[in-house]
């Protein structure tokens, strides 16, 4: 799939996250806060998106952080609840967690280079 529409990305996300049809998903829907994808599941989502849409969000020239427009101290998908306690007890952190929106994921998929056949 070369240029998926927003609707195609939403349909794929709905299947991936097993979100019921009654929940409205738009470009502004936050993947972590609204669809409850966090931690390693967020990484799995990005890998699955790359495979499904045949794109490389982790292009060796740019890296995933640049493709997804992250600053050096930012990351997507906070720690899963079981692993968050030590972070909470350890005091403040310089890491800022940004909640990836469906629209941002769609834009990244459209801008990412196609995956090379291995």
PDB file of N, CA and C in Angstrom:
ATOM      1  N   UNK A   1       0.859  -1.174   0.000  1.00  0.00           N
ATOM      2  CA  UNK A   1       0.000   0.000   0.000  1.00  0.00           C
ATOM      3  C   UNK A   1       0.901   1.233   0.000  1.00  0.00           C
ATOM      4  N   UNK A   2       0.831   2.023  -1.041  1.00  0.00           N
ATOM      5  CA  UNK A   2       1.752   3.130  -1.201  1.00  0.00           C
ATOM      6  C   UNK A   2       1.288   4.377  -0.449  1.00  0.00           C
ATOM      7  N   UNK A   3       0.055   4.813  -0.652  1.00  0.00           N
ATOM      8  CA  UNK A   3      -0.447   6.035  -0.028  1.00  0.00           C
ATOM      9  C   UNK A   3      -1.792   5.751   0.634  1.00  0.00           C
ATOM     10  N   UNK A   4      -1.780   5.160   1.807  1.00  0.00           N
ATOM     11  CA  UNK A   4      -3.061   4.847   2.451  1.00  0.00           C
ATOM     12  C   UNK A   4      -3.787   6.127   2.866  1.00  0.00           C
ATOM     13  N   UNK A   5      -5.094   6.081   2.774  1.00  0.00           N
ATOM     14  CA  UNK A   5      -5.899   7.207   3.236  1.00  0.00           C
ATOM     15  C   UNK A   5      -5.957   7.177   4.758  1.00  0.00           C
ATOM     16  N   UNK A   6      -6.404   8.274   5.337  1.00  0.00           N
ATOM     17  CA  UNK A   6      -6.595   8.312   6.789  1.00  0.00           C
ATOM     18  C   UNK A   6      -7.580   7.233   7.205  1.00  0.00           C
ATOM     19  N   UNK A   7      -8.629   7.025   6.434  1.00  0.00           N
ATOM     20  CA  UNK A   7      -9.630   5.991   6.761  1.00  0.00           C
ATOM     21  C   UNK A   7      -9.000   4.601   6.787  1.00  0.00           C
ATOM     22  N   UNK A   8      -8.066   4.328   5.875  1.00  0.00           N
ATOM     23  CA  UNK A   8      -7.392   3.024   5.852  1.00  0.00           C
ATOM     24  C   UNK A   8      -6.506   2.850   7.083  1.00  0.00           C
ATOM     25  N   UNK A   9      -5.824   3.907   7.486  1.00  0.00           N
ATOM     26  CA  UNK A   9      -4.995   3.836   8.694  1.00  0.00           C
ATOM     27  C   UNK A   9      -5.891   3.630   9.917  1.00  0.00           C
ATOM     28  N   UNK A  10      -7.011   4.320   9.972  1.00  0.00           N
ATOM     29  CA  UNK A  10      -7.952   4.161  11.094  1.00  0.00           C
ATOM     30  C   UNK A  10      -8.494   2.742  11.129  1.00  0.00           C
ATOM     31  N   UNK A  11      -8.877   2.190   9.989  1.00  0.00           N
ATOM     32  CA  UNK A  11      -9.374   0.806   9.954  1.00  0.00           C
ATOM     33  C   UNK A  11      -8.313  -0.165  10.449  1.00  0.00           C
ATOM     34  N   UNK A  12      -7.067   0.046  10.008  1.00  0.00           N
ATOM     35  CA  UNK A  12      -5.981  -0.827  10.458  1.00  0.00           C
ATOM     36  C   UNK A  12      -5.773  -0.689  11.966  1.00  0.00           C
ATOM     37  N   UNK A  13      -5.772   0.554  12.464  1.00  0.00           N
ATOM     38  CA  UNK A  13      -5.596   0.782  13.901  1.00  0.00           C
ATOM     39  C   UNK A  13      -6.732   0.149  14.705  1.00  0.00           C
ATOM     40  N   UNK A  14      -7.942   0.260  14.205  1.00  0.00           N
ATOM     41  CA  UNK A  14      -9.095  -0.339  14.884  1.00  0.00           C
ATOM     42  C   UNK A  14      -8.903  -1.850  15.015  1.00  0.00           C
ATOM     43  N   UNK A  15      -8.438  -2.490  13.936  1.00  0.00           N
ATOM     44  CA  UNK A  15      -8.166  -3.927  13.993  1.00  0.00           C
ATOM     45  C   UNK A  15      -7.004  -4.236  14.934  1.00  0.00           C
ATOM     46  N   UNK A  16      -5.918  -3.472  14.813  1.00  0.00           N
ATOM     47  CA  UNK A  16      -4.725  -3.734  15.633  1.00  0.00           C
ATOM     48  C   UNK A  16      -5.028  -3.588  17.119  1.00  0.00           C
ATOM     49  N   UNK A  17      -5.776  -2.555  17.477  1.00  0.00           N
ATOM     50  CA  UNK A  17      -6.047  -2.277  18.892  1.00  0.00           C
ATOM     51  C   UNK A  17      -7.316  -2.952  19.386  1.00  0.00           C
ATOM     52  N   UNK A  18      -8.030  -3.608  18.484  1.00  0.00           N
ATOM     53  CA  UNK A  18      -9.298  -4.277  18.822  1.00  0.00           C
ATOM     54  C   UNK A  18     -10.293  -3.279  19.432  1.00  0.00           C
ATOM     55  N   UNK A  19     -10.340  -2.099  18.835  1.00  0.00           N
ATOM     56  CA  UNK A  19     -11.249  -1.047  19.284  1.00  0.00           C
ATOM     57  C   UNK A  19     -12.619  -1.284  18.660  1.00  0.00           C
ATOM     58  N   UNK A  20     -13.652  -1.191  19.475  1.00  0.00           N
ATOM     59  CA  UNK A  20     -15.009  -1.459  18.971  1.00  0.00           C
ATOM     60  C   UNK A  20     -15.425  -0.393  17.968  1.00  0.00           C
ATOM     61  N   UNK A  21     -16.343  -0.758  17.101  1.00  0.00           N
ATOM     62  CA  UNK A  21     -16.808   0.134  16.034  1.00  0.00           C
ATOM     63  C   UNK A  21     -17.530   1.360  16.574  1.00  0.00           C
ATOM     64  N   UNK A  22     -18.056   1.286  17.782  1.00  0.00           N
ATOM     65  CA  UNK A  22     -18.785   2.432  18.346  1.00  0.00           C
ATOM     66  C   UNK A  22     -17.854   3.572  18.737  1.00  0.00           C
ATOM     67  N   UNK A  23     -16.582   3.280  19.019  1.00  0.00           N
ATOM     68  CA  UNK A  23     -15.647   4.342  19.401  1.00  0.00           C
ATOM     69  C   UNK A  23     -15.204   5.102  18.164  1.00  0.00           C
ATOM     70  N   UNK A  24     -15.372   6.403  18.205  1.00  0.00           N
ATOM     71  CA  UNK A  24     -14.972   7.259  17.087  1.00  0.00           C
ATOM     72  C   UNK A  24     -13.454   7.434  17.114  1.00  0.00           C
ATOM     73  N   UNK A  25     -12.836   7.191  15.970  1.00  0.00           N
ATOM     74  CA  UNK A  25     -11.397   7.411  15.816  1.00  0.00           C
ATOM     75  C   UNK A  25     -11.223   8.444  14.709  1.00  0.00           C
ATOM     76  N   UNK A  26     -10.512   9.524  15.022  1.00  0.00           N
ATOM     77  CA  UNK A  26     -10.260  10.600  14.067  1.00  0.00           C
ATOM     78  C   UNK A  26      -8.758  10.861  14.000  1.00  0.00           C
ATOM     79  N   UNK A  27      -8.360  11.837  13.207  1.00  0.00           N
ATOM     80  CA  UNK A  27      -6.950  12.220  13.123  1.00  0.00           C
ATOM     81  C   UNK A  27      -6.431  12.731  14.465  1.00  0.00           C
ATOM     82  N   UNK A  28      -7.313  13.279  15.295  1.00  0.00           N
ATOM     83  CA  UNK A  28      -6.903  13.817  16.598  1.00  0.00           C
ATOM     84  C   UNK A  28      -6.883  12.768  17.710  1.00  0.00           C
ATOM     85  N   UNK A  29      -7.345  11.569  17.444  1.00  0.00           N
ATOM     86  CA  UNK A  29      -7.351  10.511  18.457  1.00  0.00           C
ATOM     87  C   UNK A  29      -5.921  10.211  18.880  1.00  0.00           C
ATOM     88  N   UNK A  30      -5.706  10.186  20.193  1.00  0.00           N
ATOM     89  CA  UNK A  30      -4.374   9.897  20.741  1.00  0.00           C
ATOM     90  C   UNK A  30      -4.239   8.389  20.923  1.00  0.00           C
ATOM     91  N   UNK A  31      -3.167   7.849  20.391  1.00  0.00           N
ATOM     92  CA  UNK A  31      -3.000   6.402  20.387  1.00  0.00           C
ATOM     93  C   UNK A  31      -2.821   5.852  21.798  1.00  0.00           C
ATOM     94  N   UNK A  32      -2.116   6.573  22.645  1.00  0.00           N
ATOM     95  CA  UNK A  32      -1.901   6.075  24.005  1.00  0.00           C
ATOM     96  C   UNK A  32      -3.094   6.380  24.908  1.00  0.00           C
ATOM     97  N   UNK A  33      -3.496   7.622  24.987  1.00  0.00           N
ATOM     98  CA  UNK A  33      -4.545   8.020  25.930  1.00  0.00           C
ATOM     99  C   UNK A  33      -5.929   7.533  25.516  1.00  0.00           C
ATOM    100  N   UNK A  34      -6.213   7.524  24.210  1.00  0.00           N
ATOM    101  CA  UNK A  34      -7.556   7.170  23.757  1.00  0.00           C
ATOM    102  C   UNK A  34      -7.701   5.711  23.346  1.00  0.00           C
ATOM    103  N   UNK A  35      -6.632   5.133  22.788  1.00  0.00           N
ATOM    104  CA  UNK A  35      -6.693   3.738  22.338  1.00  0.00           C
ATOM    105  C   UNK A  35      -5.953   2.789  23.278  1.00  0.00           C
ATOM    106  N   UNK A  36      -5.342   3.337  24.324  1.00  0.00           N
ATOM    107  CA  UNK A  36      -4.703   2.564  25.393  1.00  0.00           C
ATOM    108  C   UNK A  36      -3.552   1.695  24.925  1.00  0.00           C
ATOM    109  N   UNK A  37      -2.763   2.215  23.981  1.00  0.00           N
ATOM    110  CA  UNK A  37      -1.563   1.525  23.516  1.00  0.00           C
ATOM    111  C   UNK A  37      -0.378   2.211  24.179  1.00  0.00           C
ATOM    112  N   UNK A  38       0.402   1.468  24.954  1.00  0.00           N
ATOM    113  CA  UNK A  38       1.516   2.065  25.680  1.00  0.00           C
ATOM    114  C   UNK A  38       2.696   1.096  25.742  1.00  0.00           C
ATOM    115  N   UNK A  39       3.842   1.603  26.143  1.00  0.00           N
ATOM    116  CA  UNK A  39       5.022   0.767  26.360  1.00  0.00           C
ATOM    117  C   UNK A  39       5.411  -0.056  25.144  1.00  0.00           C
ATOM    118  N   UNK A  40       5.712  -1.330  25.397  1.00  0.00           N
ATOM    119  CA  UNK A  40       6.127  -2.236  24.325  1.00  0.00           C
ATOM    120  C   UNK A  40       5.037  -2.416  23.274  1.00  0.00           C
ATOM    121  N   UNK A  41       3.782  -2.302  23.683  1.00  0.00           N
ATOM    122  CA  UNK A  41       2.691  -2.413  22.713  1.00  0.00           C
ATOM    123  C   UNK A  41       2.764  -1.281  21.690  1.00  0.00           C
ATOM    124  N   UNK A  42       3.229  -0.111  22.116  1.00  0.00           N
ATOM    125  CA  UNK A  42       3.418   0.999  21.185  1.00  0.00           C
ATOM    126  C   UNK A  42       4.506   0.697  20.173  1.00  0.00           C
ATOM    127  N   UNK A  43       5.591   0.106  20.651  1.00  0.00           N
ATOM    128  CA  UNK A  43       6.659  -0.301  19.730  1.00  0.00           C
ATOM    129  C   UNK A  43       6.140  -1.341  18.745  1.00  0.00           C
ATOM    130  N   UNK A  44       5.361  -2.307  19.260  1.00  0.00           N
ATOM    131  CA  UNK A  44       4.781  -3.336  18.395  1.00  0.00           C
ATOM    132  C   UNK A  44       3.862  -2.713  17.348  1.00  0.00           C
ATOM    133  N   UNK A  45       3.108  -1.685  17.739  1.00  0.00           N
ATOM    134  CA  UNK A  45       2.216  -0.998  16.809  1.00  0.00           C
ATOM    135  C   UNK A  45       3.018  -0.369  15.674  1.00  0.00           C
ATOM    136  N   UNK A  46       4.103   0.313  15.990  1.00  0.00           N
ATOM    137  CA  UNK A  46       4.910   0.960  14.953  1.00  0.00           C
ATOM    138  C   UNK A  46       5.533  -0.064  14.016  1.00  0.00           C
ATOM    139  N   UNK A  47       5.997  -1.176  14.560  1.00  0.00           N
ATOM    140  CA  UNK A  47       6.580  -2.238  13.730  1.00  0.00           C
ATOM    141  C   UNK A  47       5.512  -2.842  12.829  1.00  0.00           C
ATOM    142  N   UNK A  48       4.337  -3.105  13.390  1.00  0.00           N
ATOM    143  CA  UNK A  48       3.240  -3.673  12.600  1.00  0.00           C
ATOM    144  C   UNK A  48       2.786  -2.702  11.510  1.00  0.00           C
ATOM    145  N   UNK A  49       2.770  -1.403  11.819  1.00  0.00           N
ATOM    146  CA  UNK A  49       2.395  -0.395  10.819  1.00  0.00           C
ATOM    147  C   UNK A  49       3.400  -0.401   9.663  1.00  0.00           C
ATOM    148  N   UNK A  50       4.682  -0.504   9.993  1.00  0.00           N
ATOM    149  CA  UNK A  50       5.699  -0.538   8.941  1.00  0.00           C
ATOM    150  C   UNK A  50       5.489  -1.745   8.032  1.00  0.00           C
ATOM    151  N   UNK A  51       5.187  -2.892   8.634  1.00  0.00           N
ATOM    152  CA  UNK A  51       4.983  -4.107   7.845  1.00  0.00           C
ATOM    153  C   UNK A  51       3.697  -4.017   7.021  1.00  0.00           C
ATOM    154  N   UNK A  52       2.614  -3.573   7.639  1.00  0.00           N
ATOM    155  CA  UNK A  52       1.323  -3.535   6.954  1.00  0.00           C
ATOM    156  C   UNK A  52       1.323  -2.541   5.794  1.00  0.00           C
ATOM    157  N   UNK A  53       1.879  -1.360   6.021  1.00  0.00           N
ATOM    158  CA  UNK A  53       1.859  -0.319   4.997  1.00  0.00           C
ATOM    159  C   UNK A  53       3.112  -0.307   4.128  1.00  0.00           C
ATOM    160  N   UNK A  54       4.022  -1.264   4.378  1.00  0.00           N
ATOM    161  CA  UNK A  54       5.244  -1.440   3.599  1.00  0.00           C
ATOM    162  C   UNK A  54       6.088  -0.166   3.546  1.00  0.00           C
ATOM    163  N   UNK A  55       6.243   0.472   4.706  1.00  0.00           N
ATOM    164  CA  UNK A  55       7.075   1.671   4.804  1.00  0.00           C
ATOM    165  C   UNK A  55       8.146   1.459   5.864  1.00  0.00           C
ATOM    166  N   UNK A  56       9.146   2.327   5.839  1.00  0.00           N
ATOM    167  CA  UNK A  56      10.220   2.253   6.817  1.00  0.00           C
ATOM    168  C   UNK A  56      10.210   3.533   7.653  1.00  0.00           C
ATOM    169  N   UNK A  57       9.553   3.480   8.808  1.00  0.00           N
ATOM    170  CA  UNK A  57       9.530   4.629   9.712  1.00  0.00           C
ATOM    171  C   UNK A  57      10.878   4.827  10.383  1.00  0.00           C
ATOM    172  N   UNK A  58      11.725   3.821  10.318  1.00  0.00           N
ATOM    173  CA  UNK A  58      13.035   3.861  10.962  1.00  0.00           C
ATOM    174  C   UNK A  58      14.126   3.894   9.901  1.00  0.00           C
ATOM    175  N   UNK A  59      13.974   4.780   8.952  1.00  0.00           N
ATOM    176  CA  UNK A  59      14.938   4.927   7.870  1.00  0.00           C
ATOM    177  C   UNK A  59      16.322   5.201   8.452  1.00  0.00           C
ATOM    178  N   UNK A  60      17.320   4.483   7.979  1.00  0.00           N
ATOM    179  CA  UNK A  60      18.672   4.621   8.541  1.00  0.00           C
ATOM    180  C   UNK A  60      19.231   6.034   8.389  1.00  0.00           C
ATOM    181  N   UNK A  61      18.768   6.777   7.387  1.00  0.00           N
ATOM    182  CA  UNK A  61      19.269   8.134   7.201  1.00  0.00           C
ATOM    183  C   UNK A  61      18.639   9.115   8.189  1.00  0.00           C
ATOM    184  N   UNK A  62      17.379   8.893   8.547  1.00  0.00           N
ATOM    185  CA  UNK A  62      16.680   9.832   9.422  1.00  0.00           C
ATOM    186  C   UNK A  62      16.457   9.291  10.825  1.00  0.00           C
ATOM    187  N   UNK A  63      16.193   8.011  10.947  1.00  0.00           N
ATOM    188  CA  UNK A  63      15.848   7.438  12.228  1.00  0.00           C
ATOM    189  C   UNK A  63      14.377   7.687  12.551  1.00  0.00           C
ATOM    190  N   UNK A  64      13.797   6.836  13.371  1.00  0.00           N
ATOM    191  CA  UNK A  64      12.377   6.930  13.683  1.00  0.00           C
ATOM    192  C   UNK A  64      12.031   8.231  14.394  1.00  0.00           C
ATOM    193  N   UNK A  65      12.913   8.720  15.248  1.00  0.00           N
ATOM    194  CA  UNK A  65      12.631   9.960  15.974  1.00  0.00           C
ATOM    195  C   UNK A  65      12.430  11.126  15.017  1.00  0.00           C
ATOM    196  N   UNK A  66      13.237  11.189  13.961  1.00  0.00           N
ATOM    197  CA  UNK A  66      13.084  12.279  13.005  1.00  0.00           C
ATOM    198  C   UNK A  66      11.853  12.062  12.131  1.00  0.00           C
ATOM    199  N   UNK A  67      11.608  10.822  11.718  1.00  0.00           N
ATOM    200  CA  UNK A  67      10.441  10.524  10.902  1.00  0.00           C
ATOM    201  C   UNK A  67       9.161  10.901  11.644  1.00  0.00           C
ATOM    202  N   UNK A  68       9.126  10.644  12.950  1.00  0.00           N
ATOM    203  CA  UNK A  68       7.943  10.939  13.758  1.00  0.00           C
ATOM    204  C   UNK A  68       8.036  12.300  14.441  1.00  0.00           C
ATOM    205  N   UNK A  69       9.034  13.084  14.064  1.00  0.00           N
ATOM    206  CA  UNK A  69       9.216  14.461  14.528  1.00  0.00           C
ATOM    207  C   UNK A  69       9.317  14.581  16.051  1.00  0.00           C
ATOM    208  N   UNK A  70      10.232  13.817  16.626  1.00  0.00           N
ATOM    209  CA  UNK A  70      10.496  13.876  18.062  1.00  0.00           C
ATOM    210  C   UNK A  70      11.753  14.682  18.333  1.00  0.00           C
ATOM    211  N   UNK A  71      11.713  15.475  19.390  1.00  0.00           N
ATOM    212  CA  UNK A  71      12.906  16.175  19.859  1.00  0.00           C
ATOM    213  C   UNK A  71      13.802  15.159  20.580  1.00  0.00           C
ATOM    214  N   UNK A  72      15.072  15.479  20.808  1.00  0.00           N
ATOM    215  CA  UNK A  72      15.991  14.523  21.436  1.00  0.00           C
ATOM    216  C   UNK A  72      15.525  13.992  22.795  1.00  0.00           C
ATOM    217  N   UNK A  73      14.799  14.773  23.564  1.00  0.00           N
ATOM    218  CA  UNK A  73      14.376  14.337  24.904  1.00  0.00           C
ATOM    219  C   UNK A  73      12.951  13.783  24.920  1.00  0.00           C
ATOM    220  N   UNK A  74      12.341  13.614  23.749  1.00  0.00           N
ATOM    221  CA  UNK A  74      10.962  13.149  23.677  1.00  0.00           C
ATOM    222  C   UNK A  74      10.895  11.695  23.219  1.00  0.00           C
ATOM    223  N   UNK A  75       9.825  11.038  23.604  1.00  0.00           N
ATOM    224  CA  UNK A  75       9.556   9.708  23.074  1.00  0.00           C
ATOM    225  C   UNK A  75       8.058   9.462  23.100  1.00  0.00           C
ATOM    226  N   UNK A  76       7.648   8.533  22.263  1.00  0.00           N
ATOM    227  CA  UNK A  76       6.255   8.099  22.253  1.00  0.00           C
ATOM    228  C   UNK A  76       6.110   6.975  23.259  1.00  0.00           C
ATOM    229  N   UNK A  77       4.927   6.747  23.711  1.00  0.00           N
ATOM    230  CA  UNK A  77       4.571   5.587  24.516  1.00  0.00           C
ATOM    231  C   UNK A  77       5.345   5.508  25.826  1.00  0.00           C
ATOM    232  N   UNK A  78       4.684   5.951  26.874  1.00  0.00           N
ATOM    233  CA  UNK A  78       5.262   5.890  28.211  1.00  0.00           C
ATOM    234  C   UNK A  78       5.435   4.459  28.666  1.00  0.00           C
ATOM    235  N   UNK A  79       6.049   4.283  29.825  1.00  0.00           N
ATOM    236  CA  UNK A  79       6.283   2.932  30.335  1.00  0.00           C
ATOM    237  C   UNK A  79       4.960   2.258  30.685  1.00  0.00           C
ATOM    238  N   UNK A  80       4.950   0.941  30.548  1.00  0.00           N
ATOM    239  CA  UNK A  80       3.758   0.196  30.946  1.00  0.00           C
ATOM    240  C   UNK A  80       3.629   0.290  32.454  1.00  0.00           C
ATOM    241  N   UNK A  81       2.431   0.168  32.956  1.00  0.00           N
ATOM    242  CA  UNK A  81       2.140   0.392  34.376  1.00  0.00           C
ATOM    243  C   UNK A  81       3.024  -0.430  35.309  1.00  0.00           C
ATOM    244  N   UNK A  82       3.305  -1.660  34.965  1.00  0.00           N
ATOM    245  CA  UNK A  82       4.109  -2.513  35.838  1.00  0.00           C
ATOM    246  C   UNK A  82       5.530  -1.995  35.998  1.00  0.00           C
ATOM    247  N   UNK A  83       6.014  -1.256  35.009  1.00  0.00           N
ATOM    248  CA  UNK A  83       7.391  -0.774  35.046  1.00  0.00           C
ATOM    249  C   UNK A  83       7.491   0.702  35.411  1.00  0.00           C
ATOM    250  N   UNK A  84       6.377   1.368  35.585  1.00  0.00           N
ATOM    251  CA  UNK A  84       6.389   2.805  35.825  1.00  0.00           C
ATOM    252  C   UNK A  84       6.728   3.169  37.267  1.00  0.00           C
ATOM    253  N   UNK A  85       6.453   2.303  38.223  1.00  0.00           N
ATOM    254  CA  UNK A  85       6.662   2.618  39.637  1.00  0.00           C
ATOM    255  C   UNK A  85       8.085   3.085  39.946  1.00  0.00           C
ATOM    256  N   UNK A  86       9.141   2.395  39.489  1.00  0.00           N
ATOM    257  CA  UNK A  86      10.489   2.892  39.784  1.00  0.00           C
ATOM    258  C   UNK A  86      10.743   4.285  39.216  1.00  0.00           C
ATOM    259  N   UNK A  87      10.160   4.580  38.064  1.00  0.00           N
ATOM    260  CA  UNK A  87      10.338   5.908  37.479  1.00  0.00           C
ATOM    261  C   UNK A  87       9.655   6.949  38.347  1.00  0.00           C
ATOM    262  N   UNK A  88       8.444   6.628  38.803  1.00  0.00           N
ATOM    263  CA  UNK A  88       7.719   7.568  39.652  1.00  0.00           C
ATOM    264  C   UNK A  88       8.446   7.808  40.965  1.00  0.00           C
ATOM    265  N   UNK A  89       9.043   6.757  41.515  1.00  0.00           N
ATOM    266  CA  UNK A  89       9.745   6.879  42.794  1.00  0.00           C
ATOM    267  C   UNK A  89      11.107   7.533  42.637  1.00  0.00           C
ATOM    268  N   UNK A  90      11.651   7.514  41.422  1.00  0.00           N
ATOM    269  CA  UNK A  90      12.994   8.031  41.190  1.00  0.00           C
ATOM    270  C   UNK A  90      13.062   9.528  41.011  1.00  0.00           C
ATOM    271  N   UNK A  91      11.944  10.205  41.047  1.00  0.00           N
ATOM    272  CA  UNK A  91      11.960  11.647  40.885  1.00  0.00           C
ATOM    273  C   UNK A  91      11.770  12.065  39.448  1.00  0.00           C
ATOM    274  N   UNK A  92      11.956  13.336  39.192  1.00  0.00           N
ATOM    275  CA  UNK A  92      11.697  13.854  37.847  1.00  0.00           C
ATOM    276  C   UNK A  92      12.666  13.297  36.815  1.00  0.00           C
ATOM    277  N   UNK A  93      12.196  13.267  35.593  1.00  0.00           N
ATOM    278  CA  UNK A  93      13.001  12.770  34.491  1.00  0.00           C
ATOM    279  C   UNK A  93      13.023  13.825  33.386  1.00  0.00           C
ATOM    280  N   UNK A  94      14.082  13.822  32.596  1.00  0.00           N
ATOM    281  CA  UNK A  94      14.174  14.754  31.473  1.00  0.00           C
ATOM    282  C   UNK A  94      13.361  14.292  30.274  1.00  0.00           C
ATOM    283  N   UNK A  95      12.910  13.036  30.289  1.00  0.00           N
ATOM    284  CA  UNK A  95      12.163  12.487  29.170  1.00  0.00           C
ATOM    285  C   UNK A  95      10.745  13.050  29.170  1.00  0.00           C
ATOM    286  N   UNK A  96      10.308  13.472  27.994  1.00  0.00           N
ATOM    287  CA  UNK A  96       8.948  13.968  27.819  1.00  0.00           C
ATOM    288  C   UNK A  96       8.220  12.985  26.920  1.00  0.00           C
ATOM    289  N   UNK A  97       7.079  12.494  27.390  1.00  0.00           N
ATOM    290  CA  UNK A  97       6.283  11.571  26.597  1.00  0.00           C
ATOM    291  C   UNK A  97       5.231  12.347  25.833  1.00  0.00           C
ATOM    292  N   UNK A  98       5.252  12.209  24.505  1.00  0.00           N
ATOM    293  CA  UNK A  98       4.236  12.833  23.652  1.00  0.00           C
ATOM    294  C   UNK A  98       3.298  11.750  23.170  1.00  0.00           C
ATOM    295  N   UNK A  99       2.035  12.066  23.158  1.00  0.00           N
ATOM    296  CA  UNK A  99       1.045  11.089  22.726  1.00  0.00           C
ATOM    297  C   UNK A  99       0.856  11.210  21.218  1.00  0.00           C
ATOM    298  N   UNK A 100       1.266  10.196  20.497  1.00  0.00           N
ATOM    299  CA  UNK A 100       1.149  10.143  19.057  1.00  0.00           C
ATOM    300  C   UNK A 100      -0.320  10.126  18.660  1.00  0.00           C
ATOM    301  N   UNK A 101      -0.696  10.993  17.741  1.00  0.00           N
ATOM    302  CA  UNK A 101      -2.080  10.988  17.266  1.00  0.00           C
ATOM    303  C   UNK A 101      -2.179  10.135  16.000  1.00  0.00           C
ATOM    304  N   UNK A 102      -3.390   9.747  15.684  1.00  0.00           N
ATOM    305  CA  UNK A 102      -3.635   8.979  14.475  1.00  0.00           C
ATOM    306  C   UNK A 102      -3.200   9.791  13.251  1.00  0.00           C
ATOM    307  N   UNK A 103      -3.477  11.082  13.261  1.00  0.00           N
ATOM    308  CA  UNK A 103      -3.071  11.941  12.150  1.00  0.00           C
ATOM    309  C   UNK A 103      -1.565  12.012  11.987  1.00  0.00           C
ATOM    310  N   UNK A 104      -0.827  12.080  13.106  1.00  0.00           N
ATOM    311  CA  UNK A 104       0.638  12.112  13.030  1.00  0.00           C
ATOM    312  C   UNK A 104       1.178  10.794  12.477  1.00  0.00           C
ATOM    313  N   UNK A 105       0.586   9.684  12.898  1.00  0.00           N
ATOM    314  CA  UNK A 105       1.005   8.379  12.369  1.00  0.00           C
ATOM    315  C   UNK A 105       0.717   8.314  10.874  1.00  0.00           C
ATOM    316  N   UNK A 106      -0.459   8.761  10.464  1.00  0.00           N
ATOM    317  CA  UNK A 106      -0.820   8.753   9.045  1.00  0.00           C
ATOM    318  C   UNK A 106       0.173   9.590   8.240  1.00  0.00           C
ATOM    319  N   UNK A 107       0.483  10.782   8.722  1.00  0.00           N
ATOM    320  CA  UNK A 107       1.437  11.655   8.034  1.00  0.00           C
ATOM    321  C   UNK A 107       2.812  10.987   7.916  1.00  0.00           C
ATOM    322  N   UNK A 108       3.265  10.351   8.993  1.00  0.00           N
ATOM    323  CA  UNK A 108       4.566   9.675   8.970  1.00  0.00           C
ATOM    324  C   UNK A 108       4.570   8.537   7.960  1.00  0.00           C
ATOM    325  N   UNK A 109       3.461   7.787   7.893  1.00  0.00           N
ATOM    326  CA  UNK A 109       3.364   6.688   6.927  1.00  0.00           C
ATOM    327  C   UNK A 109       3.440   7.231   5.502  1.00  0.00           C
ATOM    328  N   UNK A 110       2.767   8.339   5.249  1.00  0.00           N
ATOM    329  CA  UNK A 110       2.782   8.926   3.901  1.00  0.00           C
ATOM    330  C   UNK A 110       4.159   9.451   3.518  1.00  0.00           C
ATOM    331  N   UNK A 111       4.920   9.954   4.482  1.00  0.00           N
ATOM    332  CA  UNK A 111       6.221  10.548   4.207  1.00  0.00           C
ATOM    333  C   UNK A 111       7.373   9.552   4.263  1.00  0.00           C
ATOM    334  N   UNK A 112       7.150   8.395   4.842  1.00  0.00           N
ATOM    335  CA  UNK A 112       8.229   7.413   5.022  1.00  0.00           C
ATOM    336  C   UNK A 112       8.573   6.750   3.701  1.00  0.00           C
ATOM    337  N   UNK A 113       9.847   6.396   3.530  1.00  0.00           N
ATOM    338  CA  UNK A 113      10.229   5.670   2.329  1.00  0.00           C
ATOM    339  C   UNK A 113       9.672   4.241   2.368  1.00  0.00           C
ATOM    340  N   UNK A 114       9.478   3.658   1.190  1.00  0.00           N
ATOM    341  CA  UNK A 114       9.026   2.277   1.119  1.00  0.00           C
ATOM    342  C   UNK A 114      10.111   1.361   1.666  1.00  0.00           C
ATOM    343  N   UNK A 115       9.693   0.240   2.226  1.00  0.00           N
ATOM    344  CA  UNK A 115      10.648  -0.744   2.735  1.00  0.00           C
ATOM    345  C   UNK A 115      11.308  -1.442   1.552  1.00  0.00           C
ATOM    346  N   UNK A 116      12.579  -1.733   1.717  1.00  0.00           N
ATOM    347  CA  UNK A 116      13.312  -2.453   0.675  1.00  0.00           C
ATOM    348  C   UNK A 116      13.048  -3.937   0.819  1.00  0.00           C
ATOM    349  N   UNK A 117      12.959  -4.606  -0.294  1.00  0.00           N
ATOM    350  CA  UNK A 117      12.806  -6.069  -0.288  1.00  0.00           C
ATOM    351  C   UNK A 117      14.132  -6.675   0.127  1.00  0.00           C
ATOM    352  N   UNK A 118      14.039  -7.654   1.029  1.00  0.00           N
ATOM    353  CA  UNK A 118      15.285  -8.298   1.506  1.00  0.00           C
ATOM    354  C   UNK A 118      15.499  -9.613   0.829  1.00  0.00           C
TER     355      UNK A 118
END
